[in-house]
């Protein structure tokens, strides 16, 4: 009788624990940064951004060299020019310096816009793939596992390989 009672209690406890475990949300993790860096679209976007950045940098460097050459020329000719002419040249150089600063700011803004324009569709594609894979594997939550991210425990399933397969990479 005691034996049957112990078995019944053990069975009830086993069922209760199993139900509790099944009631828990299923959580997975993925390193989104690693996923994005593996996507060919991201590599192409980074190359395009780097090319654009180099173009802007070359233009600004060219303007800066022109500014430096004019500054040197004006300093060398200052003694042979009138005070009024030297003051006009100073104003001209200040305007040139200001235009270089404005060009730098415009380049940063354009790069930011272009980056957002290129990266947004890639992020959406990755998010869609993560959602599809997590739904097919039955996960309720997927946490970004990048270093310094909000992940506390990484014992859950890493779905990076499945998402890469979904994207064909």
C-alpha atoms as a PDB file:
ATOM      1  CA  UNK A   1       0.000   0.000   0.000  1.00  0.00           C
ATOM      2  CA  UNK A   2       2.811   2.415   0.879  1.00  0.00           C
ATOM      3  CA  UNK A   3       4.549   1.484  -2.340  1.00  0.00           C
ATOM      4  CA  UNK A   4       1.477   2.350  -4.452  1.00  0.00           C
ATOM      5  CA  UNK A   5       1.041   5.595  -2.546  1.00  0.00           C
ATOM      6  CA  UNK A   6       4.697   6.613  -3.208  1.00  0.00           C
ATOM      7  CA  UNK A   7       4.377   5.779  -6.884  1.00  0.00           C
ATOM      8  CA  UNK A   8       1.154   7.815  -7.101  1.00  0.00           C
ATOM      9  CA  UNK A   9       2.777  10.803  -5.374  1.00  0.00           C
ATOM     10  CA  UNK A  10       5.869  10.533  -7.605  1.00  0.00           C
ATOM     11  CA  UNK A  11       3.634  10.330 -10.668  1.00  0.00           C
ATOM     12  CA  UNK A  12       1.640  13.406  -9.611  1.00  0.00           C
ATOM     13  CA  UNK A  13       4.848  15.353  -8.939  1.00  0.00           C
ATOM     14  CA  UNK A  14       6.298  14.265 -12.288  1.00  0.00           C
ATOM     15  CA  UNK A  15       3.161  15.420 -14.126  1.00  0.00           C
ATOM     16  CA  UNK A  16       3.151  18.738 -12.239  1.00  0.00           C
ATOM     17  CA  UNK A  17       6.825  19.410 -13.023  1.00  0.00           C
ATOM     18  CA  UNK A  18       6.355  18.430 -16.673  1.00  0.00           C
ATOM     19  CA  UNK A  19       3.350  20.726 -16.989  1.00  0.00           C
ATOM     20  CA  UNK A  20       5.301  23.571 -15.370  1.00  0.00           C
ATOM     21  CA  UNK A  21       8.246  23.099 -17.715  1.00  0.00           C
ATOM     22  CA  UNK A  22       5.978  22.955 -20.773  1.00  0.00           C
ATOM     23  CA  UNK A  23       4.177  26.121 -19.638  1.00  0.00           C
ATOM     24  CA  UNK A  24       7.435  28.083 -19.713  1.00  0.00           C
ATOM     25  CA  UNK A  25       8.132  30.279 -22.712  1.00  0.00           C
ATOM     26  CA  UNK A  26      10.716  28.947 -25.090  1.00  0.00           C
ATOM     27  CA  UNK A  27      13.624  31.324 -25.518  1.00  0.00           C
ATOM     28  CA  UNK A  28      16.414  31.278 -28.087  1.00  0.00           C
ATOM     29  CA  UNK A  29      19.289  33.619 -28.807  1.00  0.00           C
ATOM     30  CA  UNK A  30      21.101  34.873 -31.872  1.00  0.00           C
ATOM     31  CA  UNK A  31      24.023  37.214 -32.418  1.00  0.00           C
ATOM     32  CA  UNK A  32      22.424  39.700 -34.816  1.00  0.00           C
ATOM     33  CA  UNK A  33      25.723  41.446 -35.517  1.00  0.00           C
ATOM     34  CA  UNK A  34      27.287  38.172 -36.597  1.00  0.00           C
ATOM     35  CA  UNK A  35      24.254  37.400 -38.763  1.00  0.00           C
ATOM     36  CA  UNK A  36      24.336  40.796 -40.458  1.00  0.00           C
ATOM     37  CA  UNK A  37      28.068  40.628 -41.113  1.00  0.00           C
ATOM     38  CA  UNK A  38      27.591  37.231 -42.805  1.00  0.00           C
ATOM     39  CA  UNK A  39      24.937  38.556 -45.192  1.00  0.00           C
ATOM     40  CA  UNK A  40      26.261  39.355 -48.691  1.00  0.00           C
ATOM     41  CA  UNK A  41      23.914  42.353 -48.890  1.00  0.00           C
ATOM     42  CA  UNK A  42      25.608  43.871 -45.841  1.00  0.00           C
ATOM     43  CA  UNK A  43      29.060  43.371 -47.340  1.00  0.00           C
ATOM     44  CA  UNK A  44      27.918  45.106 -50.539  1.00  0.00           C
ATOM     45  CA  UNK A  45      26.357  47.963 -48.546  1.00  0.00           C
ATOM     46  CA  UNK A  46      29.535  48.416 -46.508  1.00  0.00           C
ATOM     47  CA  UNK A  47      31.625  48.503 -49.692  1.00  0.00           C
ATOM     48  CA  UNK A  48      29.323  51.108 -51.232  1.00  0.00           C
ATOM     49  CA  UNK A  49      29.439  53.233 -48.076  1.00  0.00           C
ATOM     50  CA  UNK A  50      33.220  52.993 -47.920  1.00  0.00           C
ATOM     51  CA  UNK A  51      33.494  54.066 -51.566  1.00  0.00           C
ATOM     52  CA  UNK A  52      31.201  57.044 -50.951  1.00  0.00           C
ATOM     53  CA  UNK A  53      33.124  57.974 -47.807  1.00  0.00           C
ATOM     54  CA  UNK A  54      36.414  57.886 -49.731  1.00  0.00           C
ATOM     55  CA  UNK A  55      34.928  60.156 -52.413  1.00  0.00           C
ATOM     56  CA  UNK A  56      33.812  62.705 -49.820  1.00  0.00           C
ATOM     57  CA  UNK A  57      37.143  62.466 -48.003  1.00  0.00           C
ATOM     58  CA  UNK A  58      39.091  63.051 -51.233  1.00  0.00           C
ATOM     59  CA  UNK A  59      36.947  66.100 -52.097  1.00  0.00           C
ATOM     60  CA  UNK A  60      37.394  67.600 -48.638  1.00  0.00           C
ATOM     61  CA  UNK A  61      41.135  66.908 -48.618  1.00  0.00           C
ATOM     62  CA  UNK A  62      41.415  68.589 -52.021  1.00  0.00           C
ATOM     63  CA  UNK A  63      39.580  71.652 -50.705  1.00  0.00           C
ATOM     64  CA  UNK A  64      41.743  71.706 -47.595  1.00  0.00           C
ATOM     65  CA  UNK A  65      44.948  71.560 -49.677  1.00  0.00           C
ATOM     66  CA  UNK A  66      43.652  74.414 -51.814  1.00  0.00           C
ATOM     67  CA  UNK A  67      42.954  76.369 -48.612  1.00  0.00           C
ATOM     68  CA  UNK A  68      46.465  75.667 -47.322  1.00  0.00           C
ATOM     69  CA  UNK A  69      48.031  76.732 -50.631  1.00  0.00           C
ATOM     70  CA  UNK A  70      46.057  79.994 -50.657  1.00  0.00           C
ATOM     71  CA  UNK A  71      46.990  80.632 -47.032  1.00  0.00           C
ATOM     72  CA  UNK A  72      50.676  80.123 -47.816  1.00  0.00           C
ATOM     73  CA  UNK A  73      50.447  82.276 -50.932  1.00  0.00           C
ATOM     74  CA  UNK A  74      48.646  85.089 -49.085  1.00  0.00           C
ATOM     75  CA  UNK A  75      51.118  84.984 -46.199  1.00  0.00           C
ATOM     76  CA  UNK A  76      54.057  85.212 -48.615  1.00  0.00           C
ATOM     77  CA  UNK A  77      52.461  88.119 -50.517  1.00  0.00           C
ATOM     78  CA  UNK A  78      51.168  89.958 -47.417  1.00  0.00           C
ATOM     79  CA  UNK A  79      54.136  92.302 -47.182  1.00  0.00           C
ATOM     80  CA  UNK A  80      53.705  93.502 -50.760  1.00  0.00           C
ATOM     81  CA  UNK A  81      49.926  94.062 -50.493  1.00  0.00           C
ATOM     82  CA  UNK A  82      47.944  96.885 -48.949  1.00  0.00           C
ATOM     83  CA  UNK A  83      46.230  96.537 -45.612  1.00  0.00           C
ATOM     84  CA  UNK A  84      42.795  96.530 -47.260  1.00  0.00           C
ATOM     85  CA  UNK A  85      43.811  93.780 -49.676  1.00  0.00           C
ATOM     86  CA  UNK A  86      45.190  91.659 -46.813  1.00  0.00           C
ATOM     87  CA  UNK A  87      41.952  92.099 -44.858  1.00  0.00           C
ATOM     88  CA  UNK A  88      39.930  91.004 -47.905  1.00  0.00           C
ATOM     89  CA  UNK A  89      42.150  87.955 -48.225  1.00  0.00           C
ATOM     90  CA  UNK A  90      41.646  87.087 -44.549  1.00  0.00           C
ATOM     91  CA  UNK A  91      37.873  87.305 -45.031  1.00  0.00           C
ATOM     92  CA  UNK A  92      38.180  85.174 -48.188  1.00  0.00           C
ATOM     93  CA  UNK A  93      40.176  82.516 -46.292  1.00  0.00           C
ATOM     94  CA  UNK A  94      37.655  82.510 -43.437  1.00  0.00           C
ATOM     95  CA  UNK A  95      34.858  81.973 -45.946  1.00  0.00           C
ATOM     96  CA  UNK A  96      36.814  79.179 -47.589  1.00  0.00           C
ATOM     97  CA  UNK A  97      37.428  77.558 -44.204  1.00  0.00           C
ATOM     98  CA  UNK A  98      33.728  77.842 -43.366  1.00  0.00           C
ATOM     99  CA  UNK A  99      32.744  76.217 -46.667  1.00  0.00           C
ATOM    100  CA  UNK A 100      35.100  73.300 -45.931  1.00  0.00           C
ATOM    101  CA  UNK A 101      33.425  72.824 -42.542  1.00  0.00           C
ATOM    102  CA  UNK A 102      29.988  72.921 -44.166  1.00  0.00           C
ATOM    103  CA  UNK A 103      31.127  70.384 -46.761  1.00  0.00           C
ATOM    104  CA  UNK A 104      32.333  68.060 -43.989  1.00  0.00           C
ATOM    105  CA  UNK A 105      28.997  68.357 -42.195  1.00  0.00           C
ATOM    106  CA  UNK A 106      27.030  67.771 -45.415  1.00  0.00           C
ATOM    107  CA  UNK A 107      29.174  64.707 -46.180  1.00  0.00           C
ATOM    108  CA  UNK A 108      28.468  63.250 -42.717  1.00  0.00           C
ATOM    109  CA  UNK A 109      24.743  63.837 -43.186  1.00  0.00           C
ATOM    110  CA  UNK A 110      24.729  62.284 -46.649  1.00  0.00           C
ATOM    111  CA  UNK A 111      26.671  59.272 -45.387  1.00  0.00           C
ATOM    112  CA  UNK A 112      24.188  58.854 -42.545  1.00  0.00           C
ATOM    113  CA  UNK A 113      21.244  59.007 -44.942  1.00  0.00           C
ATOM    114  CA  UNK A 114      22.845  56.576 -47.355  1.00  0.00           C
ATOM    115  CA  UNK A 115      23.697  54.189 -44.515  1.00  0.00           C
ATOM    116  CA  UNK A 116      20.103  54.204 -43.280  1.00  0.00           C
ATOM    117  CA  UNK A 117      18.847  53.738 -46.845  1.00  0.00           C
ATOM    118  CA  UNK A 118      21.122  50.745 -47.452  1.00  0.00           C
ATOM    119  CA  UNK A 119      20.948  49.062 -44.043  1.00  0.00           C
ATOM    120  CA  UNK A 120      17.181  49.262 -43.385  1.00  0.00           C
ATOM    121  CA  UNK A 121      16.131  46.661 -45.997  1.00  0.00           C
ATOM    122  CA  UNK A 122      18.901  44.317 -44.837  1.00  0.00           C
ATOM    123  CA  UNK A 123      17.737  44.623 -41.218  1.00  0.00           C
ATOM    124  CA  UNK A 124      14.159  43.933 -42.294  1.00  0.00           C
ATOM    125  CA  UNK A 125      15.245  40.849 -44.235  1.00  0.00           C
ATOM    126  CA  UNK A 126      17.188  39.536 -41.233  1.00  0.00           C
ATOM    127  CA  UNK A 127      14.283  40.243 -38.874  1.00  0.00           C
ATOM    128  CA  UNK A 128      11.835  38.443 -41.173  1.00  0.00           C
ATOM    129  CA  UNK A 129      14.147  35.414 -41.347  1.00  0.00           C
ATOM    130  CA  UNK A 130      14.589  35.377 -37.550  1.00  0.00           C
ATOM    131  CA  UNK A 131      10.826  35.557 -37.056  1.00  0.00           C
ATOM    132  CA  UNK A 132      10.223  32.765 -39.573  1.00  0.00           C
ATOM    133  CA  UNK A 133      12.848  30.448 -38.058  1.00  0.00           C
ATOM    134  CA  UNK A 134      11.797  31.144 -34.478  1.00  0.00           C
ATOM    135  CA  UNK A 135       8.157  30.438 -35.353  1.00  0.00           C
ATOM    136  CA  UNK A 136       9.052  27.203 -37.138  1.00  0.00           C
ATOM    137  CA  UNK A 137      11.134  26.061 -34.141  1.00  0.00           C
ATOM    138  CA  UNK A 138       8.445  27.092 -31.656  1.00  0.00           C
ATOM    139  CA  UNK A 139      10.338  29.842 -29.830  1.00  0.00           C
ATOM    140  CA  UNK A 140       8.365  32.572 -28.115  1.00  0.00           C
ATOM    141  CA  UNK A 141      11.291  34.937 -27.621  1.00  0.00           C
ATOM    142  CA  UNK A 142      14.620  35.481 -29.374  1.00  0.00           C
ATOM    143  CA  UNK A 143      17.223  37.554 -27.570  1.00  0.00           C
ATOM    144  CA  UNK A 144      20.132  39.320 -29.262  1.00  0.00           C
ATOM    145  CA  UNK A 145      23.224  37.573 -27.909  1.00  0.00           C
ATOM    146  CA  UNK A 146      25.882  40.075 -28.976  1.00  0.00           C
ATOM    147  CA  UNK A 147      28.535  40.913 -26.421  1.00  0.00           C
ATOM    148  CA  UNK A 148      27.277  43.489 -23.951  1.00  0.00           C
ATOM    149  CA  UNK A 149      23.687  42.883 -25.008  1.00  0.00           C
ATOM    150  CA  UNK A 150      20.748  42.123 -22.749  1.00  0.00           C
ATOM    151  CA  UNK A 151      21.421  38.357 -22.680  1.00  0.00           C
ATOM    152  CA  UNK A 152      21.785  36.991 -19.164  1.00  0.00           C
ATOM    153  CA  UNK A 153      21.950  33.246 -19.800  1.00  0.00           C
ATOM    154  CA  UNK A 154      23.012  31.692 -23.080  1.00  0.00           C
ATOM    155  CA  UNK A 155      21.945  28.119 -22.416  1.00  0.00           C
ATOM    156  CA  UNK A 156      19.082  28.488 -24.855  1.00  0.00           C
ATOM    157  CA  UNK A 157      19.273  27.379 -28.454  1.00  0.00           C
ATOM    158  CA  UNK A 158      21.314  29.564 -30.793  1.00  0.00           C
ATOM    159  CA  UNK A 159      19.297  29.834 -33.995  1.00  0.00           C
ATOM    160  CA  UNK A 160      22.002  31.580 -36.052  1.00  0.00           C
ATOM    161  CA  UNK A 161      22.672  28.502 -38.246  1.00  0.00           C
ATOM    162  CA  UNK A 162      18.979  28.088 -39.044  1.00  0.00           C
ATOM    163  CA  UNK A 163      18.546  31.773 -39.890  1.00  0.00           C
ATOM    164  CA  UNK A 164      21.635  31.678 -42.119  1.00  0.00           C
ATOM    165  CA  UNK A 165      20.154  28.648 -43.867  1.00  0.00           C
ATOM    166  CA  UNK A 166      16.880  30.525 -44.313  1.00  0.00           C
ATOM    167  CA  UNK A 167      18.774  33.386 -45.951  1.00  0.00           C
ATOM    168  CA  UNK A 168      20.850  30.986 -48.045  1.00  0.00           C
ATOM    169  CA  UNK A 169      24.202  31.968 -46.541  1.00  0.00           C
END
